[in-house]
Protein backbone atom coordinates (compact mmCIF):
# COMPACT_ATOMS: atom_id res chain seq x y z
CA UNK A 1 0.00 0.00 0.00
CA UNK A 2 1.28 3.41 -0.92
CA UNK A 3 1.48 5.71 2.11
CA UNK A 4 1.29 8.79 -0.13
CA UNK A 5 -2.36 7.97 -0.90
CA UNK A 6 -3.37 8.12 2.77
CA UNK A 7 -4.71 11.58 3.46
CA UNK A 8 -4.68 13.18 6.88
CA UNK A 9 -8.48 13.11 7.07
CA UNK A 10 -8.42 9.33 6.52
CA UNK A 11 -6.11 9.08 9.52
CA UNK A 12 -8.42 11.16 11.73
CA UNK A 13 -11.49 9.21 10.64
CA UNK A 14 -9.71 5.93 11.33
CA UNK A 15 -8.76 7.13 14.82
CA UNK A 16 -12.34 8.29 15.46
CA UNK A 17 -13.62 4.84 14.46
CA UNK A 18 -11.01 3.26 16.73
CA UNK A 19 -12.13 5.49 19.61
CA UNK A 20 -15.74 4.36 19.20
CA UNK A 21 -14.75 0.69 19.09
CA UNK A 22 -12.54 0.94 22.18
CA UNK A 23 -15.11 3.03 24.04
CA UNK A 24 -17.95 0.62 23.32
CA UNK A 25 -15.87 -2.37 24.35
CA UNK A 26 -14.91 -0.63 27.59
CA UNK A 27 -18.50 0.51 28.25
CA UNK A 28 -19.08 -3.03 29.52
CA UNK A 29 -16.88 -2.08 32.48
CA UNK A 30 -18.84 0.59 34.38
CA UNK A 31 -16.05 1.09 36.92
CA UNK A 32 -13.88 2.89 34.35
CA UNK A 33 -14.30 6.61 34.84
CA UNK A 34 -12.29 9.76 34.38
CA UNK A 35 -11.93 11.56 37.71
CA UNK A 36 -10.93 15.22 37.49
CA UNK A 37 -9.90 17.19 40.56
CA UNK A 38 -10.45 20.94 40.26
CA UNK A 39 -9.59 22.70 43.52
CA UNK A 40 -11.91 21.07 46.09
CA UNK A 41 -14.34 19.53 43.62
CA UNK A 42 -14.10 16.11 42.02
CA UNK A 43 -15.77 15.60 38.67
CA UNK A 44 -16.49 12.00 37.72
CA UNK A 45 -16.96 11.56 33.99
CA UNK A 46 -18.09 8.18 32.64
CA UNK A 47 -15.83 6.66 30.00
CA UNK A 48 -18.62 6.56 27.41
CA UNK A 49 -19.03 10.35 27.65
CA UNK A 50 -15.28 10.80 27.11
CA UNK A 51 -15.52 8.44 24.15
CA UNK A 52 -18.31 10.46 22.53
CA UNK A 53 -16.43 13.74 23.00
CA UNK A 54 -13.16 12.32 21.63
CA UNK A 55 -14.95 10.72 18.68
CA UNK A 56 -16.61 14.04 17.86
CA UNK A 57 -13.33 15.96 18.05
CA UNK A 58 -11.42 13.58 15.79
CA UNK A 59 -14.28 13.13 13.31
CA UNK A 60 -14.91 16.88 13.00
CA UNK A 61 -11.17 17.49 12.61
CA UNK A 62 -11.07 14.97 9.77
CA UNK A 63 -14.16 16.55 8.26
CA UNK A 64 -12.49 19.95 8.42
CA UNK A 65 -9.40 18.66 6.62
CA UNK A 66 -11.61 16.99 4.00
CA UNK A 67 -13.59 20.18 3.43
CA UNK A 68 -10.49 22.32 3.04
CA UNK A 69 -8.73 19.91 0.69
CA UNK A 70 -11.63 18.65 -1.45
CA UNK A 71 -14.39 21.25 -1.33
CA UNK A 72 -12.46 24.51 -1.00
CA UNK A 73 -9.44 23.15 -2.97
CA UNK A 74 -6.90 24.85 -0.69
CA UNK A 75 -3.30 23.71 -0.39
CA UNK A 76 -2.32 22.96 3.20
CA UNK A 77 1.12 23.48 4.73
CA UNK A 78 2.67 20.04 5.22
CA UNK A 79 4.70 20.64 8.38
CA UNK A 80 1.69 22.19 10.14
CA UNK A 81 -0.38 19.13 9.23
CA UNK A 82 2.33 16.88 10.65
CA UNK A 83 2.57 18.88 13.89
CA UNK A 84 -1.22 18.93 14.30
CA UNK A 85 -1.53 15.22 13.57
CA UNK A 86 1.28 14.23 15.95
CA UNK A 87 -0.23 16.27 18.78
CA UNK A 88 -3.76 14.87 18.31
CA UNK A 89 -2.72 11.27 17.70
CA UNK A 90 -0.28 11.51 20.63
CA UNK A 91 -3.06 12.75 22.88
CA UNK A 92 -5.22 9.81 21.76
CA UNK A 93 -2.47 7.37 22.69
CA UNK A 94 -1.78 9.17 25.97
CA UNK A 95 -5.48 9.12 26.94
CA UNK A 96 -5.85 5.38 26.42
CA UNK A 97 -2.58 4.65 28.22
CA UNK A 98 -3.91 6.61 31.20
CA UNK A 99 -7.21 4.70 31.04
CA UNK A 100 -5.48 1.32 30.82
CA UNK A 101 -2.93 1.97 33.56
CA UNK A 102 -5.54 3.68 35.72
CA UNK A 103 -7.61 0.49 35.53
CA UNK A 104 -4.68 -1.60 36.77
CA UNK A 105 -4.40 0.17 40.12
PDB file of N, CA and C in Angstrom:
ATOM      1  N   UNK A   1       0.838  -1.175   0.000  1.00  0.00           N
ATOM      2  CA  UNK A   1       0.000   0.000   0.000  1.00  0.00           C
ATOM      3  C   UNK A   1       0.882   1.237   0.000  1.00  0.00           C
ATOM      4  N   UNK A   2       0.520   2.177  -0.800  1.00  0.00           N
ATOM      5  CA  UNK A   2       1.277   3.410  -0.924  1.00  0.00           C
ATOM      6  C   UNK A   2       0.844   4.389   0.167  1.00  0.00           C
ATOM      7  N   UNK A   3       1.803   4.803   1.008  1.00  0.00           N
ATOM      8  CA  UNK A   3       1.484   5.706   2.109  1.00  0.00           C
ATOM      9  C   UNK A   3       1.186   7.116   1.632  1.00  0.00           C
ATOM     10  N   UNK A   4       1.574   7.456   0.417  1.00  0.00           N
ATOM     11  CA  UNK A   4       1.293   8.785  -0.125  1.00  0.00           C
ATOM     12  C   UNK A   4      -0.207   8.975  -0.401  1.00  0.00           C
ATOM     13  N   UNK A   5      -0.934   7.864  -0.602  1.00  0.00           N
ATOM     14  CA  UNK A   5      -2.362   7.967  -0.897  1.00  0.00           C
ATOM     15  C   UNK A   5      -3.205   8.147   0.355  1.00  0.00           C
ATOM     16  N   UNK A   6      -2.631   7.923   1.530  1.00  0.00           N
ATOM     17  CA  UNK A   6      -3.371   8.118   2.773  1.00  0.00           C
ATOM     18  C   UNK A   6      -3.379   9.605   3.093  1.00  0.00           C
ATOM     19  N   UNK A   7      -4.555  10.161   3.138  1.00  0.00           N
ATOM     20  CA  UNK A   7      -4.710  11.582   3.455  1.00  0.00           C
ATOM     21  C   UNK A   7      -4.857  11.733   4.954  1.00  0.00           C
ATOM     22  N   UNK A   8      -4.626  12.941   5.439  1.00  0.00           N
ATOM     23  CA  UNK A   8      -4.684  13.185   6.876  1.00  0.00           C
ATOM     24  C   UNK A   8      -6.104  12.999   7.397  1.00  0.00           C
ATOM     25  N   UNK A   9      -7.113  13.301   6.597  1.00  0.00           N
ATOM     26  CA  UNK A   9      -8.479  13.110   7.066  1.00  0.00           C
ATOM     27  C   UNK A   9      -8.832  11.634   7.185  1.00  0.00           C
ATOM     28  N   UNK A  10      -8.219  10.771   6.354  1.00  0.00           N
ATOM     29  CA  UNK A  10      -8.416   9.329   6.524  1.00  0.00           C
ATOM     30  C   UNK A  10      -7.862   8.882   7.872  1.00  0.00           C
ATOM     31  N   UNK A  11      -6.731   9.431   8.245  1.00  0.00           N
ATOM     32  CA  UNK A  11      -6.112   9.082   9.523  1.00  0.00           C
ATOM     33  C   UNK A  11      -7.002   9.492  10.690  1.00  0.00           C
ATOM     34  N   UNK A  12      -7.552  10.711  10.647  1.00  0.00           N
ATOM     35  CA  UNK A  12      -8.418  11.163  11.727  1.00  0.00           C
ATOM     36  C   UNK A  12      -9.724  10.368  11.781  1.00  0.00           C
ATOM     37  N   UNK A  13     -10.267  10.006  10.637  1.00  0.00           N
ATOM     38  CA  UNK A  13     -11.491   9.214  10.638  1.00  0.00           C
ATOM     39  C   UNK A  13     -11.219   7.801  11.134  1.00  0.00           C
ATOM     40  N   UNK A  14     -10.062   7.243  10.812  1.00  0.00           N
ATOM     41  CA  UNK A  14      -9.707   5.925  11.326  1.00  0.00           C
ATOM     42  C   UNK A  14      -9.573   5.968  12.844  1.00  0.00           C
ATOM     43  N   UNK A  15      -8.912   7.003  13.369  1.00  0.00           N
ATOM     44  CA  UNK A  15      -8.755   7.134  14.816  1.00  0.00           C
ATOM     45  C   UNK A  15     -10.113   7.328  15.479  1.00  0.00           C
ATOM     46  N   UNK A  16     -11.013   8.103  14.865  1.00  0.00           N
ATOM     47  CA  UNK A  16     -12.339   8.294  15.464  1.00  0.00           C
ATOM     48  C   UNK A  16     -13.115   6.974  15.500  1.00  0.00           C
ATOM     49  N   UNK A  17     -12.994   6.162  14.456  1.00  0.00           N
ATOM     50  CA  UNK A  17     -13.618   4.838  14.460  1.00  0.00           C
ATOM     51  C   UNK A  17     -13.005   3.958  15.545  1.00  0.00           C
ATOM     52  N   UNK A  18     -11.693   4.025  15.699  1.00  0.00           N
ATOM     53  CA  UNK A  18     -11.006   3.257  16.727  1.00  0.00           C
ATOM     54  C   UNK A  18     -11.442   3.688  18.128  1.00  0.00           C
ATOM     55  N   UNK A  19     -11.655   4.973  18.321  1.00  0.00           N
ATOM     56  CA  UNK A  19     -12.126   5.488  19.607  1.00  0.00           C
ATOM     57  C   UNK A  19     -13.500   4.918  19.938  1.00  0.00           C
ATOM     58  N   UNK A  20     -14.400   4.910  18.964  1.00  0.00           N
ATOM     59  CA  UNK A  20     -15.742   4.363  19.201  1.00  0.00           C
ATOM     60  C   UNK A  20     -15.665   2.879  19.547  1.00  0.00           C
ATOM     61  N   UNK A  21     -14.863   2.122  18.831  1.00  0.00           N
ATOM     62  CA  UNK A  21     -14.752   0.690  19.093  1.00  0.00           C
ATOM     63  C   UNK A  21     -14.208   0.445  20.496  1.00  0.00           C
ATOM     64  N   UNK A  22     -13.126   1.120  20.858  1.00  0.00           N
ATOM     65  CA  UNK A  22     -12.543   0.939  22.183  1.00  0.00           C
ATOM     66  C   UNK A  22     -13.514   1.394  23.263  1.00  0.00           C
ATOM     67  N   UNK A  23     -14.174   2.518  23.046  1.00  0.00           N
ATOM     68  CA  UNK A  23     -15.113   3.029  24.042  1.00  0.00           C
ATOM     69  C   UNK A  23     -16.306   2.111  24.251  1.00  0.00           C
ATOM     70  N   UNK A  24     -16.820   1.535  23.175  1.00  0.00           N
ATOM     71  CA  UNK A  24     -17.952   0.624  23.316  1.00  0.00           C
ATOM     72  C   UNK A  24     -17.549  -0.685  23.973  1.00  0.00           C
ATOM     73  N   UNK A  25     -16.354  -1.151  23.685  1.00  0.00           N
ATOM     74  CA  UNK A  25     -15.869  -2.366  24.347  1.00  0.00           C
ATOM     75  C   UNK A  25     -15.682  -2.104  25.845  1.00  0.00           C
ATOM     76  N   UNK A  26     -15.137  -0.938  26.182  1.00  0.00           N
ATOM     77  CA  UNK A  26     -14.910  -0.633  27.590  1.00  0.00           C
ATOM     78  C   UNK A  26     -16.169  -0.161  28.292  1.00  0.00           C
ATOM     79  N   UNK A  27     -17.256   0.097  27.575  1.00  0.00           N
ATOM     80  CA  UNK A  27     -18.496   0.506  28.247  1.00  0.00           C
ATOM     81  C   UNK A  27     -19.103  -0.659  29.018  1.00  0.00           C
ATOM     82  N   UNK A  28     -18.631  -1.871  28.754  1.00  0.00           N
ATOM     83  CA  UNK A  28     -19.080  -3.029  29.519  1.00  0.00           C
ATOM     84  C   UNK A  28     -18.510  -3.035  30.934  1.00  0.00           C
ATOM     85  N   UNK A  29     -17.500  -2.189  31.167  1.00  0.00           N
ATOM     86  CA  UNK A  29     -16.883  -2.082  32.483  1.00  0.00           C
ATOM     87  C   UNK A  29     -17.278  -0.738  33.091  1.00  0.00           C
ATOM     88  N   UNK A  30     -18.349  -0.701  33.879  1.00  0.00           N
ATOM     89  CA  UNK A  30     -18.840   0.589  34.381  1.00  0.00           C
ATOM     90  C   UNK A  30     -17.930   1.233  35.421  1.00  0.00           C
ATOM     91  N   UNK A  31     -16.930   0.515  35.912  1.00  0.00           N
ATOM     92  CA  UNK A  31     -16.046   1.090  36.925  1.00  0.00           C
ATOM     93  C   UNK A  31     -14.968   1.984  36.316  1.00  0.00           C
ATOM     94  N   UNK A  32     -14.872   2.044  35.000  1.00  0.00           N
ATOM     95  CA  UNK A  32     -13.877   2.890  34.348  1.00  0.00           C
ATOM     96  C   UNK A  32     -14.467   4.294  34.195  1.00  0.00           C
ATOM     97  N   UNK A  33     -13.841   5.230  34.880  1.00  0.00           N
ATOM     98  CA  UNK A  33     -14.303   6.614  34.838  1.00  0.00           C
ATOM     99  C   UNK A  33     -13.098   7.532  34.813  1.00  0.00           C
ATOM    100  N   UNK A  34     -13.314   8.731  34.332  1.00  0.00           N
ATOM    101  CA  UNK A  34     -12.289   9.760  34.379  1.00  0.00           C
ATOM    102  C   UNK A  34     -12.624  10.662  35.559  1.00  0.00           C
ATOM    103  N   UNK A  35     -11.700  10.762  36.515  1.00  0.00           N
ATOM    104  CA  UNK A  35     -11.926  11.562  37.708  1.00  0.00           C
ATOM    105  C   UNK A  35     -11.030  12.787  37.625  1.00  0.00           C
ATOM    106  N   UNK A  36     -11.651  13.959  37.590  1.00  0.00           N
ATOM    107  CA  UNK A  36     -10.932  15.220  37.490  1.00  0.00           C
ATOM    108  C   UNK A  36     -11.036  15.952  38.818  1.00  0.00           C
ATOM    109  N   UNK A  37      -9.918  16.422  39.329  1.00  0.00           N
ATOM    110  CA  UNK A  37      -9.899  17.193  40.560  1.00  0.00           C
ATOM    111  C   UNK A  37      -9.626  18.648  40.211  1.00  0.00           C
ATOM    112  N   UNK A  38     -10.600  19.508  40.482  1.00  0.00           N
ATOM    113  CA  UNK A  38     -10.447  20.941  40.256  1.00  0.00           C
ATOM    114  C   UNK A  38     -10.667  21.607  41.612  1.00  0.00           C
ATOM    115  N   UNK A  39      -9.584  22.096  42.184  1.00  0.00           N
ATOM    116  CA  UNK A  39      -9.589  22.702  43.520  1.00  0.00           C
ATOM    117  C   UNK A  39     -10.168  21.707  44.523  1.00  0.00           C
ATOM    118  N   UNK A  40     -11.320  21.968  45.092  1.00  0.00           N
ATOM    119  CA  UNK A  40     -11.910  21.069  46.086  1.00  0.00           C
ATOM    120  C   UNK A  40     -13.049  20.231  45.528  1.00  0.00           C
ATOM    121  N   UNK A  41     -13.214  20.234  44.232  1.00  0.00           N
ATOM    122  CA  UNK A  41     -14.340  19.534  43.615  1.00  0.00           C
ATOM    123  C   UNK A  41     -13.812  18.407  42.734  1.00  0.00           C
ATOM    124  N   UNK A  42     -14.425  17.243  42.870  1.00  0.00           N
ATOM    125  CA  UNK A  42     -14.102  16.112  42.021  1.00  0.00           C
ATOM    126  C   UNK A  42     -15.215  15.939  40.990  1.00  0.00           C
ATOM    127  N   UNK A  43     -14.826  15.853  39.746  1.00  0.00           N
ATOM    128  CA  UNK A  43     -15.769  15.595  38.670  1.00  0.00           C
ATOM    129  C   UNK A  43     -15.532  14.171  38.183  1.00  0.00           C
ATOM    130  N   UNK A  44     -16.578  13.379  38.179  1.00  0.00           N
ATOM    131  CA  UNK A  44     -16.494  12.000  37.720  1.00  0.00           C
ATOM    132  C   UNK A  44     -17.202  11.924  36.375  1.00  0.00           C
ATOM    133  N   UNK A  45     -16.425  11.604  35.348  1.00  0.00           N
ATOM    134  CA  UNK A  45     -16.965  11.559  33.989  1.00  0.00           C
ATOM    135  C   UNK A  45     -16.930  10.108  33.518  1.00  0.00           C
ATOM    136  N   UNK A  46     -18.085   9.554  33.151  1.00  0.00           N
ATOM    137  CA  UNK A  46     -18.088   8.176  32.640  1.00  0.00           C
ATOM    138  C   UNK A  46     -17.267   8.059  31.352  1.00  0.00           C
ATOM    139  N   UNK A  47     -16.712   6.889  31.150  1.00  0.00           N
ATOM    140  CA  UNK A  47     -15.835   6.659  30.000  1.00  0.00           C
ATOM    141  C   UNK A  47     -16.583   6.806  28.679  1.00  0.00           C
ATOM    142  N   UNK A  48     -17.862   6.444  28.656  1.00  0.00           N
ATOM    143  CA  UNK A  48     -18.620   6.562  27.409  1.00  0.00           C
ATOM    144  C   UNK A  48     -18.783   8.027  27.000  1.00  0.00           C
ATOM    145  N   UNK A  49     -18.943   8.921  27.973  1.00  0.00           N
ATOM    146  CA  UNK A  49     -19.025  10.346  27.651  1.00  0.00           C
ATOM    147  C   UNK A  49     -17.709  10.861  27.073  1.00  0.00           C
ATOM    148  N   UNK A  50     -16.592  10.426  27.655  1.00  0.00           N
ATOM    149  CA  UNK A  50     -15.278  10.801  27.106  1.00  0.00           C
ATOM    150  C   UNK A  50     -15.105  10.258  25.692  1.00  0.00           C
ATOM    151  N   UNK A  51     -15.609   9.043  25.472  1.00  0.00           N
ATOM    152  CA  UNK A  51     -15.520   8.440  24.146  1.00  0.00           C
ATOM    153  C   UNK A  51     -16.293   9.250  23.117  1.00  0.00           C
ATOM    154  N   UNK A  52     -17.488   9.692  23.468  1.00  0.00           N
ATOM    155  CA  UNK A  52     -18.307  10.465  22.534  1.00  0.00           C
ATOM    156  C   UNK A  52     -17.649  11.804  22.213  1.00  0.00           C
ATOM    157  N   UNK A  53     -17.097  12.453  23.225  1.00  0.00           N
ATOM    158  CA  UNK A  53     -16.428  13.742  22.998  1.00  0.00           C
ATOM    159  C   UNK A  53     -15.197  13.559  22.123  1.00  0.00           C
ATOM    160  N   UNK A  54     -14.367  12.560  22.440  1.00  0.00           N
ATOM    161  CA  UNK A  54     -13.162  12.324  21.634  1.00  0.00           C
ATOM    162  C   UNK A  54     -13.509  11.936  20.203  1.00  0.00           C
ATOM    163  N   UNK A  55     -14.524  11.085  20.027  1.00  0.00           N
ATOM    164  CA  UNK A  55     -14.954  10.718  18.683  1.00  0.00           C
ATOM    165  C   UNK A  55     -15.363  11.961  17.897  1.00  0.00           C
ATOM    166  N   UNK A  56     -16.145  12.821  18.535  1.00  0.00           N
ATOM    167  CA  UNK A  56     -16.611  14.037  17.856  1.00  0.00           C
ATOM    168  C   UNK A  56     -15.453  14.933  17.452  1.00  0.00           C
ATOM    169  N   UNK A  57     -14.478  15.100  18.352  1.00  0.00           N
ATOM    170  CA  UNK A  57     -13.331  15.959  18.052  1.00  0.00           C
ATOM    171  C   UNK A  57     -12.539  15.431  16.863  1.00  0.00           C
ATOM    172  N   UNK A  58     -12.224  14.143  16.876  1.00  0.00           N
ATOM    173  CA  UNK A  58     -11.417  13.581  15.794  1.00  0.00           C
ATOM    174  C   UNK A  58     -12.201  13.526  14.478  1.00  0.00           C
ATOM    175  N   UNK A  59     -13.496  13.198  14.538  1.00  0.00           N
ATOM    176  CA  UNK A  59     -14.284  13.130  13.314  1.00  0.00           C
ATOM    177  C   UNK A  59     -14.451  14.517  12.696  1.00  0.00           C
ATOM    178  N   UNK A  60     -14.743  15.521  13.517  1.00  0.00           N
ATOM    179  CA  UNK A  60     -14.914  16.882  12.996  1.00  0.00           C
ATOM    180  C   UNK A  60     -13.590  17.437  12.475  1.00  0.00           C
ATOM    181  N   UNK A  61     -12.484  17.078  13.122  1.00  0.00           N
ATOM    182  CA  UNK A  61     -11.174  17.492  12.609  1.00  0.00           C
ATOM    183  C   UNK A  61     -10.914  16.893  11.232  1.00  0.00           C
ATOM    184  N   UNK A  62     -11.208  15.608  11.076  1.00  0.00           N
ATOM    185  CA  UNK A  62     -11.070  14.969   9.773  1.00  0.00           C
ATOM    186  C   UNK A  62     -11.996  15.578   8.742  1.00  0.00           C
ATOM    187  N   UNK A  63     -13.219  15.903   9.165  1.00  0.00           N
ATOM    188  CA  UNK A  63     -14.164  16.547   8.259  1.00  0.00           C
ATOM    189  C   UNK A  63     -13.662  17.926   7.829  1.00  0.00           C
ATOM    190  N   UNK A  64     -13.056  18.645   8.757  1.00  0.00           N
ATOM    191  CA  UNK A  64     -12.487  19.951   8.416  1.00  0.00           C
ATOM    192  C   UNK A  64     -11.370  19.841   7.397  1.00  0.00           C
ATOM    193  N   UNK A  65     -10.470  18.877   7.596  1.00  0.00           N
ATOM    194  CA  UNK A  65      -9.400  18.660   6.619  1.00  0.00           C
ATOM    195  C   UNK A  65      -9.979  18.277   5.258  1.00  0.00           C
ATOM    196  N   UNK A  66     -11.006  17.414   5.265  1.00  0.00           N
ATOM    197  CA  UNK A  66     -11.612  16.988   4.005  1.00  0.00           C
ATOM    198  C   UNK A  66     -12.246  18.178   3.285  1.00  0.00           C
ATOM    199  N   UNK A  67     -12.960  19.011   4.035  1.00  0.00           N
ATOM    200  CA  UNK A  67     -13.591  20.185   3.426  1.00  0.00           C
ATOM    201  C   UNK A  67     -12.566  21.125   2.803  1.00  0.00           C
ATOM    202  N   UNK A  68     -11.500  21.389   3.537  1.00  0.00           N
ATOM    203  CA  UNK A  68     -10.487  22.325   3.037  1.00  0.00           C
ATOM    204  C   UNK A  68      -9.803  21.774   1.793  1.00  0.00           C
ATOM    205  N   UNK A  69      -9.476  20.484   1.807  1.00  0.00           N
ATOM    206  CA  UNK A  69      -8.732  19.914   0.686  1.00  0.00           C
ATOM    207  C   UNK A  69      -9.606  19.607  -0.520  1.00  0.00           C
ATOM    208  N   UNK A  70     -10.818  19.106  -0.316  1.00  0.00           N
ATOM    209  CA  UNK A  70     -11.632  18.645  -1.447  1.00  0.00           C
ATOM    210  C   UNK A  70     -12.707  19.624  -1.880  1.00  0.00           C
ATOM    211  N   UNK A  71     -13.310  20.344  -0.968  1.00  0.00           N
ATOM    212  CA  UNK A  71     -14.394  21.255  -1.330  1.00  0.00           C
ATOM    213  C   UNK A  71     -13.836  22.634  -1.673  1.00  0.00           C
ATOM    214  N   UNK A  72     -13.000  23.165  -0.783  1.00  0.00           N
ATOM    215  CA  UNK A  72     -12.456  24.510  -0.999  1.00  0.00           C
ATOM    216  C   UNK A  72     -11.191  24.512  -1.860  1.00  0.00           C
ATOM    217  N   UNK A  73     -10.619  23.327  -2.105  1.00  0.00           N
ATOM    218  CA  UNK A  73      -9.438  23.153  -2.966  1.00  0.00           C
ATOM    219  C   UNK A  73      -8.269  24.037  -2.528  1.00  0.00           C
ATOM    220  N   UNK A  74      -8.015  24.074  -1.234  1.00  0.00           N
ATOM    221  CA  UNK A  74      -6.901  24.851  -0.694  1.00  0.00           C
ATOM    222  C   UNK A  74      -5.712  23.930  -0.449  1.00  0.00           C
ATOM    223  N   UNK A  75      -4.526  24.445  -0.659  1.00  0.00           N
ATOM    224  CA  UNK A  75      -3.296  23.709  -0.388  1.00  0.00           C
ATOM    225  C   UNK A  75      -2.902  23.942   1.068  1.00  0.00           C
ATOM    226  N   UNK A  76      -2.685  22.866   1.801  1.00  0.00           N
ATOM    227  CA  UNK A  76      -2.318  22.964   3.203  1.00  0.00           C
ATOM    228  C   UNK A  76      -0.804  22.904   3.363  1.00  0.00           C
ATOM    229  N   UNK A  77      -0.309  23.470   4.449  1.00  0.00           N
ATOM    230  CA  UNK A  77       1.119  23.477   4.732  1.00  0.00           C
ATOM    231  C   UNK A  77       1.472  22.157   5.418  1.00  0.00           C
ATOM    232  N   UNK A  78       2.378  21.407   4.798  1.00  0.00           N
ATOM    233  CA  UNK A  78       2.668  20.041   5.222  1.00  0.00           C
ATOM    234  C   UNK A  78       3.182  19.950   6.662  1.00  0.00           C
ATOM    235  N   UNK A  79       4.136  20.795   7.038  1.00  0.00           N
ATOM    236  CA  UNK A  79       4.702  20.643   8.381  1.00  0.00           C
ATOM    237  C   UNK A  79       3.696  21.008   9.462  1.00  0.00           C
ATOM    238  N   UNK A  80       2.736  21.893   9.174  1.00  0.00           N
ATOM    239  CA  UNK A  80       1.692  22.186  10.144  1.00  0.00           C
ATOM    240  C   UNK A  80       0.716  21.014  10.276  1.00  0.00           C
ATOM    241  N   UNK A  81       0.455  20.334   9.174  1.00  0.00           N
ATOM    242  CA  UNK A  81      -0.384  19.134   9.226  1.00  0.00           C
ATOM    243  C   UNK A  81       0.285  18.061  10.066  1.00  0.00           C
ATOM    244  N   UNK A  82       1.590  17.884   9.891  1.00  0.00           N
ATOM    245  CA  UNK A  82       2.325  16.876  10.654  1.00  0.00           C
ATOM    246  C   UNK A  82       2.313  17.214  12.137  1.00  0.00           C
ATOM    247  N   UNK A  83       2.568  18.470  12.484  1.00  0.00           N
ATOM    248  CA  UNK A  83       2.567  18.878  13.892  1.00  0.00           C
ATOM    249  C   UNK A  83       1.187  18.662  14.502  1.00  0.00           C
ATOM    250  N   UNK A  84       0.147  19.089  13.806  1.00  0.00           N
ATOM    251  CA  UNK A  84      -1.217  18.932  14.300  1.00  0.00           C
ATOM    252  C   UNK A  84      -1.582  17.464  14.465  1.00  0.00           C
ATOM    253  N   UNK A  85      -1.222  16.642  13.504  1.00  0.00           N
ATOM    254  CA  UNK A  85      -1.529  15.216  13.569  1.00  0.00           C
ATOM    255  C   UNK A  85      -0.777  14.530  14.701  1.00  0.00           C
ATOM    256  N   UNK A  86       0.488  14.847  14.877  1.00  0.00           N
ATOM    257  CA  UNK A  86       1.275  14.226  15.947  1.00  0.00           C
ATOM    258  C   UNK A  86       0.710  14.591  17.311  1.00  0.00           C
ATOM    259  N   UNK A  87       0.321  15.847  17.494  1.00  0.00           N
ATOM    260  CA  UNK A  87      -0.235  16.268  18.782  1.00  0.00           C
ATOM    261  C   UNK A  87      -1.561  15.557  19.051  1.00  0.00           C
ATOM    262  N   UNK A  88      -2.460  15.500  18.075  1.00  0.00           N
ATOM    263  CA  UNK A  88      -3.755  14.866  18.311  1.00  0.00           C
ATOM    264  C   UNK A  88      -3.660  13.353  18.438  1.00  0.00           C
ATOM    265  N   UNK A  89      -2.871  12.717  17.601  1.00  0.00           N
ATOM    266  CA  UNK A  89      -2.718  11.266  17.697  1.00  0.00           C
ATOM    267  C   UNK A  89      -1.974  10.913  18.986  1.00  0.00           C
ATOM    268  N   UNK A  90      -0.991  11.733  19.359  1.00  0.00           N
ATOM    269  CA  UNK A  90      -0.281  11.514  20.629  1.00  0.00           C
ATOM    270  C   UNK A  90      -1.194  11.650  21.823  1.00  0.00           C
ATOM    271  N   UNK A  91      -2.118  12.604  21.777  1.00  0.00           N
ATOM    272  CA  UNK A  91      -3.064  12.751  22.885  1.00  0.00           C
ATOM    273  C   UNK A  91      -4.020  11.564  22.936  1.00  0.00           C
ATOM    274  N   UNK A  92      -4.384  11.018  21.789  1.00  0.00           N
ATOM    275  CA  UNK A  92      -5.216   9.809  21.756  1.00  0.00           C
ATOM    276  C   UNK A  92      -4.499   8.651  22.434  1.00  0.00           C
ATOM    277  N   UNK A  93      -3.244   8.454  22.094  1.00  0.00           N
ATOM    278  CA  UNK A  93      -2.465   7.367  22.688  1.00  0.00           C
ATOM    279  C   UNK A  93      -2.280   7.608  24.179  1.00  0.00           C
ATOM    280  N   UNK A  94      -1.971   8.832  24.566  1.00  0.00           N
ATOM    281  CA  UNK A  94      -1.782   9.166  25.974  1.00  0.00           C
ATOM    282  C   UNK A  94      -3.061   8.921  26.773  1.00  0.00           C
ATOM    283  N   UNK A  95      -4.212   9.317  26.235  1.00  0.00           N
ATOM    284  CA  UNK A  95      -5.475   9.122  26.942  1.00  0.00           C
ATOM    285  C   UNK A  95      -5.727   7.653  27.216  1.00  0.00           C
ATOM    286  N   UNK A  96      -5.543   6.802  26.221  1.00  0.00           N
ATOM    287  CA  UNK A  96      -5.849   5.383  26.424  1.00  0.00           C
ATOM    288  C   UNK A  96      -4.812   4.712  27.296  1.00  0.00           C
ATOM    289  N   UNK A  97      -3.572   5.178  27.285  1.00  0.00           N
ATOM    290  CA  UNK A  97      -2.579   4.654  28.222  1.00  0.00           C
ATOM    291  C   UNK A  97      -2.981   4.989  29.649  1.00  0.00           C
ATOM    292  N   UNK A  98      -3.449   6.211  29.873  1.00  0.00           N
ATOM    293  CA  UNK A  98      -3.914   6.610  31.199  1.00  0.00           C
ATOM    294  C   UNK A  98      -5.108   5.763  31.620  1.00  0.00           C
ATOM    295  N   UNK A  99      -6.041   5.512  30.711  1.00  0.00           N
ATOM    296  CA  UNK A  99      -7.210   4.701  31.042  1.00  0.00           C
ATOM    297  C   UNK A  99      -6.792   3.276  31.374  1.00  0.00           C
ATOM    298  N   UNK A 100      -5.897   2.711  30.583  1.00  0.00           N
ATOM    299  CA  UNK A 100      -5.484   1.323  30.818  1.00  0.00           C
ATOM    300  C   UNK A 100      -4.687   1.199  32.118  1.00  0.00           C
ATOM    301  N   UNK A 101      -3.713   2.075  32.339  1.00  0.00           N
ATOM    302  CA  UNK A 101      -2.926   1.972  33.562  1.00  0.00           C
ATOM    303  C   UNK A 101      -3.718   2.428  34.781  1.00  0.00           C
ATOM    304  N   UNK A 102      -4.687   3.289  34.614  1.00  0.00           N
ATOM    305  CA  UNK A 102      -5.542   3.676  35.720  1.00  0.00           C
ATOM    306  C   UNK A 102      -6.435   2.534  36.159  1.00  0.00           C
ATOM    307  N   UNK A 103      -6.787   1.650  35.214  1.00  0.00           N
ATOM    308  CA  UNK A 103      -7.608   0.489  35.535  1.00  0.00           C
ATOM    309  C   UNK A 103      -6.808  -0.567  36.300  1.00  0.00           C
ATOM    310  N   UNK A 104      -5.509  -0.584  36.122  1.00  0.00           N
ATOM    311  CA  UNK A 104      -4.684  -1.598  36.770  1.00  0.00           C
ATOM    312  C   UNK A 104      -4.497  -1.356  38.263  1.00  0.00           C
ATOM    313  N   UNK A 105      -4.623  -0.128  38.705  1.00  0.00           N
ATOM    314  CA  UNK A 105      -4.398   0.167  40.121  1.00  0.00           C
ATOM    315  C   UNK A 105      -5.581  -0.152  40.968  1.00  0.00           C
TER     316      UNK A 105
END
